N, C-alpha and C. Protein backbone atom coordinates (compact mmCIF):
# COMPACT_ATOMS: atom_id res chain seq x y z
N UNK A 1 10.91 -23.37 -76.86
CA UNK A 1 9.87 -22.37 -77.07
C UNK A 1 9.32 -21.86 -75.74
N UNK A 2 9.04 -22.83 -74.82
CA UNK A 2 8.52 -22.45 -73.52
C UNK A 2 9.53 -21.61 -72.75
N UNK A 3 10.82 -21.98 -72.88
CA UNK A 3 11.86 -21.24 -72.18
C UNK A 3 11.93 -19.81 -72.71
N UNK A 4 11.87 -19.65 -74.02
CA UNK A 4 11.93 -18.32 -74.61
C UNK A 4 10.72 -17.48 -74.20
N UNK A 5 9.57 -18.12 -74.13
CA UNK A 5 8.36 -17.41 -73.72
C UNK A 5 8.47 -16.97 -72.27
N UNK A 6 9.03 -17.84 -71.44
CA UNK A 6 9.20 -17.52 -70.03
C UNK A 6 10.16 -16.36 -69.84
N UNK A 7 11.27 -16.36 -70.60
CA UNK A 7 12.25 -15.27 -70.51
C UNK A 7 11.63 -13.97 -70.98
N UNK A 8 10.86 -14.03 -72.07
CA UNK A 8 10.22 -12.82 -72.58
C UNK A 8 9.21 -12.27 -71.59
N UNK A 9 8.46 -13.16 -70.95
CA UNK A 9 7.46 -12.73 -69.96
C UNK A 9 8.14 -12.07 -68.77
N UNK A 10 9.24 -12.67 -68.31
CA UNK A 10 9.98 -12.10 -67.17
C UNK A 10 10.58 -10.75 -67.53
N UNK A 11 11.05 -10.63 -68.76
CA UNK A 11 11.61 -9.37 -69.22
C UNK A 11 10.54 -8.28 -69.28
N UNK A 12 9.36 -8.64 -69.75
CA UNK A 12 8.26 -7.69 -69.83
C UNK A 12 7.87 -7.21 -68.43
N UNK A 13 7.87 -8.13 -67.46
CA UNK A 13 7.56 -7.75 -66.08
C UNK A 13 8.59 -6.76 -65.56
N UNK A 14 9.86 -7.00 -65.89
CA UNK A 14 10.92 -6.11 -65.44
C UNK A 14 10.76 -4.72 -66.07
N UNK A 15 10.45 -4.68 -67.35
CA UNK A 15 10.25 -3.40 -68.02
C UNK A 15 9.03 -2.67 -67.46
N UNK A 16 8.00 -3.43 -67.13
CA UNK A 16 6.81 -2.82 -66.54
C UNK A 16 7.16 -2.15 -65.21
N UNK A 17 7.93 -2.85 -64.40
CA UNK A 17 8.35 -2.30 -63.12
C UNK A 17 9.19 -1.04 -63.32
N UNK A 18 10.13 -1.09 -64.25
CA UNK A 18 10.99 0.05 -64.52
C UNK A 18 10.20 1.25 -65.04
N UNK A 19 9.21 0.98 -65.89
CA UNK A 19 8.42 2.07 -66.46
C UNK A 19 7.67 2.82 -65.37
N UNK A 20 7.14 2.10 -64.40
CA UNK A 20 6.41 2.76 -63.32
C UNK A 20 7.37 3.58 -62.44
N UNK A 21 8.57 3.05 -62.22
CA UNK A 21 9.54 3.81 -61.46
C UNK A 21 9.94 5.09 -62.18
N UNK A 22 10.12 5.01 -63.50
CA UNK A 22 10.49 6.18 -64.29
C UNK A 22 9.37 7.21 -64.30
N UNK A 23 8.13 6.75 -64.34
CA UNK A 23 6.99 7.66 -64.33
C UNK A 23 6.87 8.40 -63.01
N UNK A 24 7.42 7.83 -61.95
CA UNK A 24 7.30 8.44 -60.62
C UNK A 24 8.47 9.34 -60.25
N UNK A 25 9.51 9.37 -61.07
CA UNK A 25 10.73 10.12 -60.73
C UNK A 25 10.43 11.59 -60.42
N UNK A 26 9.68 12.24 -61.28
CA UNK A 26 9.39 13.65 -61.09
C UNK A 26 8.65 13.87 -59.77
N UNK A 27 7.66 13.03 -59.49
CA UNK A 27 6.93 13.15 -58.22
C UNK A 27 7.86 12.94 -57.03
N UNK A 28 8.77 11.97 -57.13
CA UNK A 28 9.72 11.75 -56.05
C UNK A 28 10.53 13.02 -55.75
N UNK A 29 11.01 13.66 -56.81
CA UNK A 29 11.83 14.85 -56.61
C UNK A 29 11.01 16.02 -56.07
N UNK A 30 9.74 16.09 -56.45
CA UNK A 30 8.86 17.11 -55.89
C UNK A 30 8.72 16.89 -54.38
N UNK A 31 8.54 15.64 -53.97
CA UNK A 31 8.41 15.33 -52.55
C UNK A 31 9.64 15.74 -51.76
N UNK A 32 10.82 15.49 -52.31
CA UNK A 32 12.06 15.89 -51.65
C UNK A 32 12.12 17.41 -51.51
N UNK A 33 11.79 18.11 -52.59
CA UNK A 33 11.85 19.58 -52.56
C UNK A 33 10.84 20.16 -51.59
N UNK A 34 9.64 19.58 -51.53
CA UNK A 34 8.61 20.08 -50.61
C UNK A 34 9.10 19.99 -49.17
N UNK A 35 9.69 18.86 -48.80
CA UNK A 35 10.22 18.70 -47.44
C UNK A 35 11.30 19.74 -47.16
N UNK A 36 12.20 19.94 -48.12
CA UNK A 36 13.28 20.90 -47.93
C UNK A 36 12.76 22.33 -47.78
N UNK A 37 11.77 22.69 -48.60
CA UNK A 37 11.24 24.05 -48.57
C UNK A 37 10.43 24.30 -47.29
N UNK A 38 9.55 23.35 -46.93
CA UNK A 38 8.75 23.51 -45.71
C UNK A 38 9.65 23.56 -44.48
N UNK A 39 10.67 22.72 -44.46
CA UNK A 39 11.62 22.72 -43.33
C UNK A 39 12.33 24.07 -43.24
N UNK A 40 12.67 24.63 -44.39
CA UNK A 40 13.36 25.92 -44.40
C UNK A 40 12.47 27.03 -43.82
N UNK A 41 11.22 27.06 -44.24
CA UNK A 41 10.33 28.12 -43.79
C UNK A 41 9.88 27.94 -42.34
N UNK A 42 9.83 26.71 -41.87
CA UNK A 42 9.45 26.47 -40.48
C UNK A 42 10.66 26.36 -39.55
N UNK A 43 11.84 26.56 -40.13
CA UNK A 43 13.09 26.48 -39.36
C UNK A 43 13.23 25.15 -38.64
N UNK A 44 12.99 24.09 -39.37
CA UNK A 44 13.08 22.73 -38.84
C UNK A 44 14.27 22.04 -39.49
N UNK A 45 14.97 21.21 -38.73
CA UNK A 45 16.09 20.43 -39.26
C UNK A 45 15.57 19.03 -39.58
N UNK A 46 15.27 18.73 -40.85
CA UNK A 46 14.66 17.44 -41.20
C UNK A 46 15.64 16.28 -41.08
N UNK A 47 15.12 15.14 -40.70
CA UNK A 47 15.89 13.90 -40.70
C UNK A 47 15.85 13.30 -42.11
N UNK A 48 16.77 12.39 -42.39
CA UNK A 48 16.87 11.86 -43.75
C UNK A 48 15.60 11.16 -44.20
N UNK A 49 14.93 10.47 -43.25
CA UNK A 49 13.75 9.70 -43.66
C UNK A 49 12.55 10.59 -43.94
N UNK A 50 12.61 11.85 -43.54
CA UNK A 50 11.54 12.78 -43.89
C UNK A 50 11.48 12.99 -45.39
N UNK A 51 12.64 12.99 -46.03
CA UNK A 51 12.67 13.15 -47.49
C UNK A 51 12.09 11.92 -48.18
N UNK A 52 12.34 10.75 -47.62
CA UNK A 52 11.75 9.52 -48.15
C UNK A 52 10.24 9.57 -48.00
N UNK A 53 9.78 10.04 -46.84
CA UNK A 53 8.35 10.15 -46.60
C UNK A 53 7.72 11.16 -47.57
N UNK A 54 8.39 12.28 -47.81
CA UNK A 54 7.87 13.26 -48.75
C UNK A 54 7.73 12.68 -50.15
N UNK A 55 8.72 11.90 -50.57
CA UNK A 55 8.64 11.25 -51.88
C UNK A 55 7.48 10.27 -51.94
N UNK A 56 7.29 9.52 -50.85
CA UNK A 56 6.18 8.57 -50.80
C UNK A 56 4.84 9.29 -50.89
N UNK A 57 4.69 10.39 -50.15
CA UNK A 57 3.43 11.12 -50.16
C UNK A 57 3.13 11.69 -51.54
N UNK A 58 4.18 12.03 -52.29
CA UNK A 58 3.98 12.59 -53.62
C UNK A 58 3.49 11.55 -54.63
N UNK A 59 3.63 10.27 -54.29
CA UNK A 59 3.11 9.21 -55.17
C UNK A 59 2.02 8.39 -54.49
N UNK A 60 1.58 8.84 -53.33
CA UNK A 60 0.60 8.08 -52.55
C UNK A 60 -0.62 7.65 -53.35
N UNK A 61 -1.25 8.52 -54.14
CA UNK A 61 -2.44 8.08 -54.89
C UNK A 61 -2.19 6.92 -55.84
N UNK A 62 -0.95 6.77 -56.30
CA UNK A 62 -0.65 5.69 -57.24
C UNK A 62 -0.45 4.34 -56.57
N UNK A 63 -0.70 4.26 -55.28
CA UNK A 63 -0.65 2.96 -54.61
C UNK A 63 -1.71 2.01 -55.16
N UNK A 64 -2.69 2.56 -55.88
CA UNK A 64 -3.69 1.68 -56.48
C UNK A 64 -3.11 0.85 -57.62
N UNK A 65 -1.87 1.16 -58.03
CA UNK A 65 -1.21 0.39 -59.08
C UNK A 65 -0.31 -0.71 -58.53
N UNK A 66 -0.13 -0.75 -57.22
CA UNK A 66 0.81 -1.71 -56.64
C UNK A 66 0.49 -3.17 -56.97
N UNK A 67 -0.79 -3.60 -56.91
CA UNK A 67 -1.05 -5.00 -57.28
C UNK A 67 -0.57 -5.33 -58.69
N UNK A 68 -0.77 -4.40 -59.63
CA UNK A 68 -0.33 -4.63 -61.00
C UNK A 68 1.19 -4.66 -61.10
N UNK A 69 1.84 -3.73 -60.40
CA UNK A 69 3.29 -3.66 -60.46
C UNK A 69 3.92 -4.91 -59.85
N UNK A 70 3.41 -5.34 -58.71
CA UNK A 70 3.99 -6.49 -58.01
C UNK A 70 3.76 -7.80 -58.76
N UNK A 71 2.63 -7.91 -59.46
CA UNK A 71 2.35 -9.13 -60.22
C UNK A 71 2.91 -9.07 -61.63
N UNK A 72 3.27 -7.86 -62.08
CA UNK A 72 3.81 -7.73 -63.43
C UNK A 72 2.78 -7.85 -64.52
N UNK A 73 1.52 -7.68 -64.19
CA UNK A 73 0.45 -7.80 -65.18
C UNK A 73 0.14 -6.44 -65.79
N UNK A 74 0.16 -6.39 -67.12
CA UNK A 74 -0.11 -5.15 -67.83
C UNK A 74 -1.59 -5.12 -68.20
N UNK A 75 -2.42 -4.74 -67.25
CA UNK A 75 -3.87 -4.73 -67.45
C UNK A 75 -4.31 -3.32 -67.82
N UNK A 76 -5.03 -3.19 -68.92
CA UNK A 76 -5.52 -1.89 -69.36
C UNK A 76 -6.75 -1.50 -68.53
N UNK A 77 -6.57 -0.54 -67.64
CA UNK A 77 -7.70 -0.05 -66.87
C UNK A 77 -7.39 1.38 -66.43
N UNK A 78 -8.42 2.13 -66.10
CA UNK A 78 -8.26 3.52 -65.72
C UNK A 78 -8.16 3.62 -64.20
N UNK A 79 -6.92 3.67 -63.69
CA UNK A 79 -6.76 3.69 -62.24
C UNK A 79 -7.11 5.05 -61.65
N UNK A 80 -7.38 6.05 -62.49
CA UNK A 80 -7.84 7.34 -61.98
C UNK A 80 -9.31 7.29 -61.56
N UNK A 81 -9.91 6.13 -61.71
CA UNK A 81 -11.29 5.94 -61.27
C UNK A 81 -11.38 5.26 -59.92
N UNK A 82 -10.23 4.93 -59.33
CA UNK A 82 -10.24 4.30 -58.00
C UNK A 82 -10.36 5.38 -56.92
N UNK A 83 -10.65 4.94 -55.70
CA UNK A 83 -10.82 5.88 -54.59
C UNK A 83 -9.52 6.64 -54.30
N UNK A 84 -8.38 6.05 -54.65
CA UNK A 84 -7.10 6.71 -54.40
C UNK A 84 -6.91 7.97 -55.26
N UNK A 85 -7.69 8.08 -56.32
CA UNK A 85 -7.60 9.26 -57.18
C UNK A 85 -8.85 10.13 -57.06
N UNK A 86 -9.40 10.17 -55.84
CA UNK A 86 -10.50 11.08 -55.54
C UNK A 86 -9.96 12.12 -54.55
N UNK A 87 -9.55 13.30 -55.05
CA UNK A 87 -8.93 14.31 -54.19
C UNK A 87 -9.75 14.67 -52.96
N UNK A 88 -11.08 14.73 -53.11
CA UNK A 88 -11.93 15.14 -51.99
C UNK A 88 -11.86 14.14 -50.84
N UNK A 89 -11.42 12.92 -51.12
CA UNK A 89 -11.29 11.89 -50.09
C UNK A 89 -9.86 11.83 -49.55
N UNK A 90 -8.89 11.69 -50.45
CA UNK A 90 -7.53 11.39 -50.05
C UNK A 90 -6.79 12.59 -49.47
N UNK A 91 -6.99 13.79 -50.00
CA UNK A 91 -6.29 14.96 -49.47
C UNK A 91 -6.62 15.20 -48.00
N UNK A 92 -7.90 15.24 -47.62
CA UNK A 92 -8.21 15.44 -46.19
C UNK A 92 -7.71 14.30 -45.30
N UNK A 93 -7.84 13.06 -45.77
CA UNK A 93 -7.39 11.93 -44.96
C UNK A 93 -5.87 11.98 -44.75
N UNK A 94 -5.14 12.20 -45.83
CA UNK A 94 -3.68 12.24 -45.73
C UNK A 94 -3.21 13.39 -44.84
N UNK A 95 -3.83 14.56 -45.02
CA UNK A 95 -3.43 15.73 -44.24
C UNK A 95 -3.77 15.56 -42.76
N UNK A 96 -4.97 15.07 -42.49
CA UNK A 96 -5.38 14.88 -41.09
C UNK A 96 -4.54 13.82 -40.40
N UNK A 97 -4.25 12.73 -41.10
CA UNK A 97 -3.42 11.67 -40.53
C UNK A 97 -2.02 12.18 -40.23
N UNK A 98 -1.45 12.94 -41.17
CA UNK A 98 -0.12 13.50 -40.96
C UNK A 98 -0.11 14.47 -39.79
N UNK A 99 -1.17 15.27 -39.66
CA UNK A 99 -1.26 16.23 -38.56
C UNK A 99 -1.33 15.52 -37.21
N UNK A 100 -2.10 14.45 -37.15
CA UNK A 100 -2.26 13.71 -35.90
C UNK A 100 -0.97 13.00 -35.50
N UNK A 101 -0.27 12.46 -36.49
CA UNK A 101 0.93 11.67 -36.19
C UNK A 101 2.20 12.51 -36.10
N UNK A 102 2.24 13.63 -36.85
CA UNK A 102 3.49 14.38 -36.90
C UNK A 102 3.40 15.87 -36.71
N UNK A 103 2.19 16.41 -36.58
CA UNK A 103 2.05 17.84 -36.34
C UNK A 103 2.02 18.68 -37.61
N UNK A 104 2.24 19.97 -37.43
CA UNK A 104 2.08 20.94 -38.52
C UNK A 104 3.00 20.67 -39.70
N UNK A 105 4.25 20.36 -39.42
CA UNK A 105 5.21 20.14 -40.51
C UNK A 105 4.73 19.05 -41.46
N UNK A 106 4.40 17.90 -40.91
CA UNK A 106 4.01 16.78 -41.76
C UNK A 106 2.64 17.01 -42.39
N UNK A 107 1.77 17.76 -41.72
CA UNK A 107 0.47 18.09 -42.31
C UNK A 107 0.67 18.92 -43.57
N UNK A 108 1.55 19.91 -43.49
CA UNK A 108 1.81 20.76 -44.66
C UNK A 108 2.45 19.95 -45.79
N UNK A 109 3.40 19.10 -45.44
CA UNK A 109 4.06 18.28 -46.46
C UNK A 109 3.05 17.36 -47.13
N UNK A 110 2.19 16.72 -46.35
CA UNK A 110 1.18 15.82 -46.92
C UNK A 110 0.21 16.59 -47.81
N UNK A 111 -0.26 17.73 -47.33
CA UNK A 111 -1.20 18.54 -48.10
C UNK A 111 -0.61 18.94 -49.46
N UNK A 112 0.61 19.44 -49.44
CA UNK A 112 1.24 19.91 -50.67
C UNK A 112 1.57 18.76 -51.61
N UNK A 113 2.15 17.69 -51.07
CA UNK A 113 2.59 16.57 -51.91
C UNK A 113 1.42 15.85 -52.57
N UNK A 114 0.39 15.56 -51.80
CA UNK A 114 -0.75 14.83 -52.35
C UNK A 114 -1.52 15.70 -53.34
N UNK A 115 -1.69 16.98 -52.99
CA UNK A 115 -2.37 17.89 -53.92
C UNK A 115 -1.57 18.02 -55.20
N UNK A 116 -0.24 18.09 -55.07
CA UNK A 116 0.61 18.15 -56.26
C UNK A 116 0.38 16.95 -57.16
N UNK A 117 0.29 15.77 -56.58
CA UNK A 117 0.12 14.57 -57.39
C UNK A 117 -1.12 14.68 -58.28
N UNK A 118 -2.21 15.16 -57.70
CA UNK A 118 -3.44 15.29 -58.49
C UNK A 118 -3.31 16.37 -59.56
N UNK A 119 -2.62 17.46 -59.25
CA UNK A 119 -2.36 18.48 -60.27
C UNK A 119 -1.53 17.90 -61.41
N UNK A 120 -0.54 17.11 -61.04
CA UNK A 120 0.34 16.48 -62.03
C UNK A 120 -0.42 15.50 -62.91
N UNK A 121 -1.49 14.94 -62.39
CA UNK A 121 -2.30 13.98 -63.15
C UNK A 121 -3.26 14.66 -64.12
N UNK A 122 -3.32 15.98 -64.12
CA UNK A 122 -4.20 16.69 -65.03
C UNK A 122 -3.61 16.73 -66.43
N UNK A 123 -4.46 16.99 -67.42
CA UNK A 123 -4.02 17.02 -68.81
C UNK A 123 -2.97 18.10 -69.05
N UNK A 124 -3.02 19.18 -68.29
CA UNK A 124 -2.06 20.27 -68.47
C UNK A 124 -0.62 19.79 -68.30
N UNK A 125 -0.42 18.74 -67.50
CA UNK A 125 0.91 18.21 -67.25
C UNK A 125 1.16 16.90 -68.01
N UNK A 126 0.26 16.55 -68.91
CA UNK A 126 0.41 15.32 -69.67
C UNK A 126 -0.24 14.12 -69.04
N UNK A 127 -0.99 14.34 -67.96
CA UNK A 127 -1.67 13.23 -67.28
C UNK A 127 -3.00 12.89 -67.95
N UNK A 128 -3.65 11.90 -67.37
CA UNK A 128 -4.89 11.43 -67.96
C UNK A 128 -6.13 12.16 -67.50
N UNK A 129 -6.01 12.93 -66.40
CA UNK A 129 -7.16 13.69 -65.91
C UNK A 129 -7.58 13.27 -64.52
N UNK A 130 -8.21 14.20 -63.81
CA UNK A 130 -8.67 13.96 -62.45
C UNK A 130 -10.08 14.52 -62.28
N UNK A 131 -10.93 13.76 -61.61
CA UNK A 131 -12.30 14.21 -61.33
C UNK A 131 -12.30 15.01 -60.03
N UNK A 132 -11.94 16.28 -60.11
CA UNK A 132 -11.84 17.12 -58.92
C UNK A 132 -13.18 17.28 -58.21
N UNK A 133 -14.27 17.24 -58.96
CA UNK A 133 -15.59 17.49 -58.37
C UNK A 133 -16.32 16.22 -57.94
N UNK A 134 -15.65 15.06 -58.05
CA UNK A 134 -16.28 13.82 -57.59
C UNK A 134 -16.58 13.94 -56.09
N UNK A 135 -17.71 13.46 -55.59
CA UNK A 135 -18.72 12.58 -56.22
C UNK A 135 -19.83 13.31 -56.97
N UNK A 136 -19.73 14.62 -57.07
CA UNK A 136 -20.79 15.37 -57.75
C UNK A 136 -20.68 15.26 -59.27
N UNK A 137 -19.47 14.99 -59.75
CA UNK A 137 -19.28 14.86 -61.19
C UNK A 137 -18.10 13.93 -61.46
N UNK A 138 -18.22 13.10 -62.48
CA UNK A 138 -17.12 12.22 -62.89
C UNK A 138 -16.24 12.86 -63.95
N UNK A 139 -16.56 14.08 -64.37
CA UNK A 139 -15.78 14.75 -65.39
C UNK A 139 -14.35 15.01 -64.93
N UNK A 140 -13.40 14.82 -65.84
CA UNK A 140 -12.02 15.19 -65.58
C UNK A 140 -11.88 16.66 -65.95
N UNK A 141 -11.78 17.51 -64.93
CA UNK A 141 -11.76 18.94 -65.16
C UNK A 141 -10.39 19.40 -65.65
N UNK A 142 -10.40 20.29 -66.63
CA UNK A 142 -9.15 20.76 -67.21
C UNK A 142 -9.38 22.08 -67.94
N UNK A 143 -8.38 22.96 -67.89
CA UNK A 143 -8.44 24.19 -68.67
C UNK A 143 -8.33 23.90 -70.16
N UNK A 144 -7.87 22.69 -70.49
CA UNK A 144 -7.76 22.29 -71.89
C UNK A 144 -9.07 21.70 -72.41
N UNK A 145 -10.05 21.59 -71.53
CA UNK A 145 -11.34 21.01 -71.91
C UNK A 145 -11.66 19.80 -71.04
N UNK A 146 -12.85 19.80 -70.47
CA UNK A 146 -13.24 18.69 -69.60
C UNK A 146 -13.49 17.43 -70.43
N UNK A 147 -13.26 16.28 -69.78
CA UNK A 147 -13.43 15.00 -70.47
C UNK A 147 -14.19 14.02 -69.60
N UNK A 148 -14.91 13.13 -70.25
CA UNK A 148 -15.47 11.97 -69.58
C UNK A 148 -14.35 10.96 -69.35
N UNK A 149 -14.41 10.19 -68.26
CA UNK A 149 -13.35 9.20 -67.99
C UNK A 149 -13.15 8.24 -69.16
N UNK A 150 -14.24 7.90 -69.85
CA UNK A 150 -14.14 6.95 -70.96
C UNK A 150 -13.35 7.52 -72.14
N UNK A 151 -13.27 8.84 -72.22
CA UNK A 151 -12.57 9.47 -73.34
C UNK A 151 -11.14 9.87 -72.99
N UNK A 152 -10.76 9.72 -71.74
CA UNK A 152 -9.44 10.18 -71.30
C UNK A 152 -8.34 9.22 -71.74
N UNK A 153 -7.13 9.77 -71.82
CA UNK A 153 -5.97 8.96 -72.22
C UNK A 153 -5.45 8.22 -71.00
N UNK A 154 -6.14 7.17 -70.61
CA UNK A 154 -5.74 6.46 -69.39
C UNK A 154 -5.63 4.96 -69.59
N UNK A 155 -5.38 4.53 -70.84
CA UNK A 155 -5.10 3.12 -71.06
C UNK A 155 -3.70 2.83 -70.54
N UNK A 156 -3.59 1.89 -69.62
CA UNK A 156 -2.31 1.66 -68.93
C UNK A 156 -1.19 1.32 -69.90
N UNK A 157 -1.49 0.53 -70.91
CA UNK A 157 -0.45 0.09 -71.82
C UNK A 157 0.11 1.24 -72.65
N UNK A 158 -0.76 2.08 -73.18
CA UNK A 158 -0.30 3.13 -74.07
C UNK A 158 0.25 4.33 -73.31
N UNK A 159 -0.37 4.72 -72.22
CA UNK A 159 0.08 5.93 -71.52
C UNK A 159 1.18 5.67 -70.53
N UNK A 160 0.96 4.73 -69.64
CA UNK A 160 1.87 4.55 -68.51
C UNK A 160 2.98 3.54 -68.77
N UNK A 161 3.00 2.97 -69.95
CA UNK A 161 3.98 1.93 -70.21
C UNK A 161 4.95 2.37 -71.29
N UNK A 162 4.49 2.45 -72.52
CA UNK A 162 5.37 2.73 -73.64
C UNK A 162 5.96 4.13 -73.58
N UNK A 163 5.21 5.11 -73.10
CA UNK A 163 5.73 6.48 -73.09
C UNK A 163 6.93 6.64 -72.18
N UNK A 164 7.09 5.75 -71.23
CA UNK A 164 8.22 5.87 -70.30
C UNK A 164 9.39 4.99 -70.68
N UNK A 165 9.18 4.08 -71.60
CA UNK A 165 10.26 3.20 -72.04
C UNK A 165 10.92 3.71 -73.31
N UNK A 166 10.51 4.90 -73.73
CA UNK A 166 11.09 5.56 -74.89
C UNK A 166 11.34 7.03 -74.54
N UNK A 167 12.30 7.68 -75.21
CA UNK A 167 12.55 9.10 -74.97
C UNK A 167 11.50 9.98 -75.64
N UNK A 168 10.29 9.96 -75.10
CA UNK A 168 9.19 10.74 -75.64
C UNK A 168 9.25 12.17 -75.08
N UNK A 169 8.49 13.11 -75.68
CA UNK A 169 8.46 14.47 -75.12
C UNK A 169 8.07 14.49 -73.64
N UNK A 170 7.13 13.62 -73.24
CA UNK A 170 6.71 13.57 -71.85
C UNK A 170 7.83 13.09 -70.93
N UNK A 171 8.44 11.97 -71.27
CA UNK A 171 9.47 11.41 -70.39
C UNK A 171 10.70 12.32 -70.32
N UNK A 172 11.12 12.87 -71.47
CA UNK A 172 12.29 13.75 -71.47
C UNK A 172 12.01 15.02 -70.69
N UNK A 173 10.82 15.60 -70.87
CA UNK A 173 10.46 16.82 -70.14
C UNK A 173 10.48 16.59 -68.63
N UNK A 174 9.93 15.46 -68.20
CA UNK A 174 9.86 15.21 -66.76
C UNK A 174 11.23 14.89 -66.17
N UNK A 175 12.10 14.26 -66.93
CA UNK A 175 13.45 14.02 -66.42
C UNK A 175 14.24 15.32 -66.33
N UNK A 176 14.01 16.23 -67.27
CA UNK A 176 14.66 17.54 -67.19
C UNK A 176 14.19 18.28 -65.93
N UNK A 177 12.88 18.30 -65.72
CA UNK A 177 12.34 18.97 -64.54
C UNK A 177 12.82 18.30 -63.25
N UNK A 178 12.86 16.97 -63.24
CA UNK A 178 13.34 16.24 -62.06
C UNK A 178 14.79 16.60 -61.76
N UNK A 179 15.61 16.72 -62.79
CA UNK A 179 17.01 17.09 -62.60
C UNK A 179 17.13 18.48 -62.00
N UNK A 180 16.32 19.42 -62.50
CA UNK A 180 16.34 20.78 -61.96
C UNK A 180 15.94 20.78 -60.49
N UNK A 181 14.91 20.03 -60.14
CA UNK A 181 14.47 19.97 -58.74
C UNK A 181 15.52 19.32 -57.85
N UNK A 182 16.22 18.33 -58.37
CA UNK A 182 17.30 17.70 -57.60
C UNK A 182 18.40 18.71 -57.30
N UNK A 183 18.73 19.53 -58.27
CA UNK A 183 19.77 20.53 -58.07
C UNK A 183 19.34 21.57 -57.03
N UNK A 184 18.09 22.04 -57.14
CA UNK A 184 17.58 23.01 -56.18
C UNK A 184 17.53 22.40 -54.78
N UNK A 185 17.05 21.16 -54.69
CA UNK A 185 16.97 20.49 -53.38
C UNK A 185 18.36 20.29 -52.79
N UNK A 186 19.31 19.96 -53.63
CA UNK A 186 20.68 19.76 -53.17
C UNK A 186 21.23 21.04 -52.56
N UNK A 187 20.94 22.16 -53.18
CA UNK A 187 21.40 23.44 -52.64
C UNK A 187 20.76 23.73 -51.28
N UNK A 188 19.47 23.44 -51.15
CA UNK A 188 18.78 23.69 -49.90
C UNK A 188 19.23 22.76 -48.78
N UNK A 189 19.47 21.50 -49.14
CA UNK A 189 19.80 20.50 -48.12
C UNK A 189 21.28 20.51 -47.75
N UNK A 190 22.14 20.56 -48.77
CA UNK A 190 23.58 20.41 -48.53
C UNK A 190 24.37 21.71 -48.71
N UNK A 191 23.70 22.74 -49.22
CA UNK A 191 24.41 23.98 -49.47
C UNK A 191 25.29 23.92 -50.69
N UNK A 192 25.05 22.95 -51.57
CA UNK A 192 25.84 22.78 -52.79
C UNK A 192 24.97 22.13 -53.86
N UNK A 193 25.19 22.52 -55.10
CA UNK A 193 24.40 21.95 -56.20
C UNK A 193 24.99 20.66 -56.74
N UNK A 194 26.22 20.32 -56.33
CA UNK A 194 26.94 19.24 -57.00
C UNK A 194 26.36 17.87 -56.73
N UNK A 195 25.84 17.65 -55.55
CA UNK A 195 25.20 16.36 -55.29
C UNK A 195 23.98 16.19 -56.19
N UNK A 196 23.21 17.26 -56.33
CA UNK A 196 22.05 17.21 -57.21
C UNK A 196 22.44 16.97 -58.65
N UNK A 197 23.52 17.60 -59.09
CA UNK A 197 24.01 17.39 -60.46
C UNK A 197 24.44 15.94 -60.65
N UNK A 198 25.14 15.39 -59.64
CA UNK A 198 25.59 14.00 -59.73
C UNK A 198 24.43 13.02 -59.78
N UNK A 199 23.44 13.23 -58.90
CA UNK A 199 22.28 12.34 -58.90
C UNK A 199 21.50 12.49 -60.20
N UNK A 200 21.39 13.73 -60.68
CA UNK A 200 20.71 13.96 -61.95
C UNK A 200 21.40 13.26 -63.10
N UNK A 201 22.74 13.27 -63.10
CA UNK A 201 23.50 12.59 -64.15
C UNK A 201 23.25 11.09 -64.10
N UNK A 202 23.21 10.54 -62.89
CA UNK A 202 22.90 9.10 -62.74
C UNK A 202 21.49 8.79 -63.24
N UNK A 203 20.58 9.71 -63.00
CA UNK A 203 19.21 9.54 -63.47
C UNK A 203 19.16 9.43 -64.99
N UNK A 204 19.89 10.31 -65.68
CA UNK A 204 19.90 10.28 -67.14
C UNK A 204 20.62 9.04 -67.68
N UNK A 205 21.69 8.63 -67.00
CA UNK A 205 22.38 7.41 -67.42
C UNK A 205 21.47 6.19 -67.29
N UNK A 206 20.73 6.15 -66.18
CA UNK A 206 19.80 5.04 -65.97
C UNK A 206 18.68 5.05 -67.00
N UNK A 207 18.14 6.23 -67.27
CA UNK A 207 17.07 6.34 -68.27
C UNK A 207 17.57 5.91 -69.64
N UNK A 208 18.77 6.36 -70.00
CA UNK A 208 19.33 5.98 -71.29
C UNK A 208 19.53 4.48 -71.41
N UNK A 209 19.97 3.86 -70.31
CA UNK A 209 20.17 2.41 -70.32
C UNK A 209 18.84 1.68 -70.51
N UNK A 210 17.78 2.15 -69.83
CA UNK A 210 16.47 1.52 -69.98
C UNK A 210 15.94 1.71 -71.38
N UNK A 211 16.06 2.91 -71.92
CA UNK A 211 15.58 3.17 -73.28
C UNK A 211 16.32 2.30 -74.29
N UNK A 212 17.63 2.17 -74.11
CA UNK A 212 18.40 1.34 -75.02
C UNK A 212 18.03 -0.13 -74.90
N UNK A 213 17.86 -0.60 -73.66
CA UNK A 213 17.50 -2.00 -73.45
C UNK A 213 16.12 -2.31 -74.01
N UNK A 214 15.19 -1.38 -73.85
CA UNK A 214 13.84 -1.58 -74.37
C UNK A 214 13.85 -1.63 -75.90
N UNK A 215 14.62 -0.73 -76.51
CA UNK A 215 14.72 -0.72 -77.97
C UNK A 215 15.30 -2.03 -78.48
N UNK A 216 16.34 -2.52 -77.79
CA UNK A 216 16.95 -3.80 -78.18
C UNK A 216 15.99 -4.94 -78.00
N UNK A 217 15.25 -4.93 -76.88
CA UNK A 217 14.27 -5.99 -76.60
C UNK A 217 13.18 -6.02 -77.66
N UNK A 218 12.70 -4.84 -78.06
CA UNK A 218 11.62 -4.77 -79.03
C UNK A 218 12.07 -5.19 -80.43
N UNK A 219 13.34 -5.06 -80.69
CA UNK A 219 13.85 -5.39 -82.03
C UNK A 219 14.15 -6.87 -82.19
N UNK A 220 14.14 -7.61 -81.10
CA UNK A 220 14.46 -9.04 -81.15
C UNK A 220 13.30 -9.84 -81.71
C-alpha cells in the first residue's frame, strides 16, 4: 500500500511539472518570436542564447511558482497576488535591468516579453486576471468585466493543472498558436518554415502523449 501511494505521489509530481511546462509553451514561443522580430528591425544578428533569454523573459513573472513546481506540491493559491504579478513593479525593473546589462535590444525584448506575459494572463486570453492598477486597486481589469481577486479563476488545481493535462479548448488553442509562432519564427531565423513545422509536430506528439498518459493514470 505504501509503495503504491509513493508511486502515485511521484507520478502526480511528474504530471504537475509537465502541466506547468505545457502552460508555458505559448509564452516560450512568443519570446522566441520577439527576439527574432526585434533583431530583424534593429538589424542585429542574434546569438542562440538570446532566444533562450527571450523565452525566459516571457515567463519571468511565473517564477513565483518555482517553489511549488520544484517541490511538486499542488497548493491552491492565487499566485497573481504575488509581487511578480504586479506589472507596475516588474515591467520597469526588467526593462531597466536589461537596458543596463544589454542595451537597447535587450531592453526592448524585456519590455515586450514581460508586458506580453501580463496581457496573456488577462481573462481575454483565458488567464485568471491581472491587477494593472495595483497598488491603487486590487481589481483584475478586463474588457470582459473587472473582478476581485477572490472571484477570479485562479485556483491552481483547477486552472493551471487539469486544463493542461487534457485537450481542453484553452490548451488546444494555445498549442495551435504556439505552432504558428514556431513556423513564423523559423522563417525569420532560418529562412525556412520546415524547422518550425518539425518542432511544432514534436510539440503535438508530446502533448498527445501527456494527455494519453494522464487519462490512463486517472482511470487506474
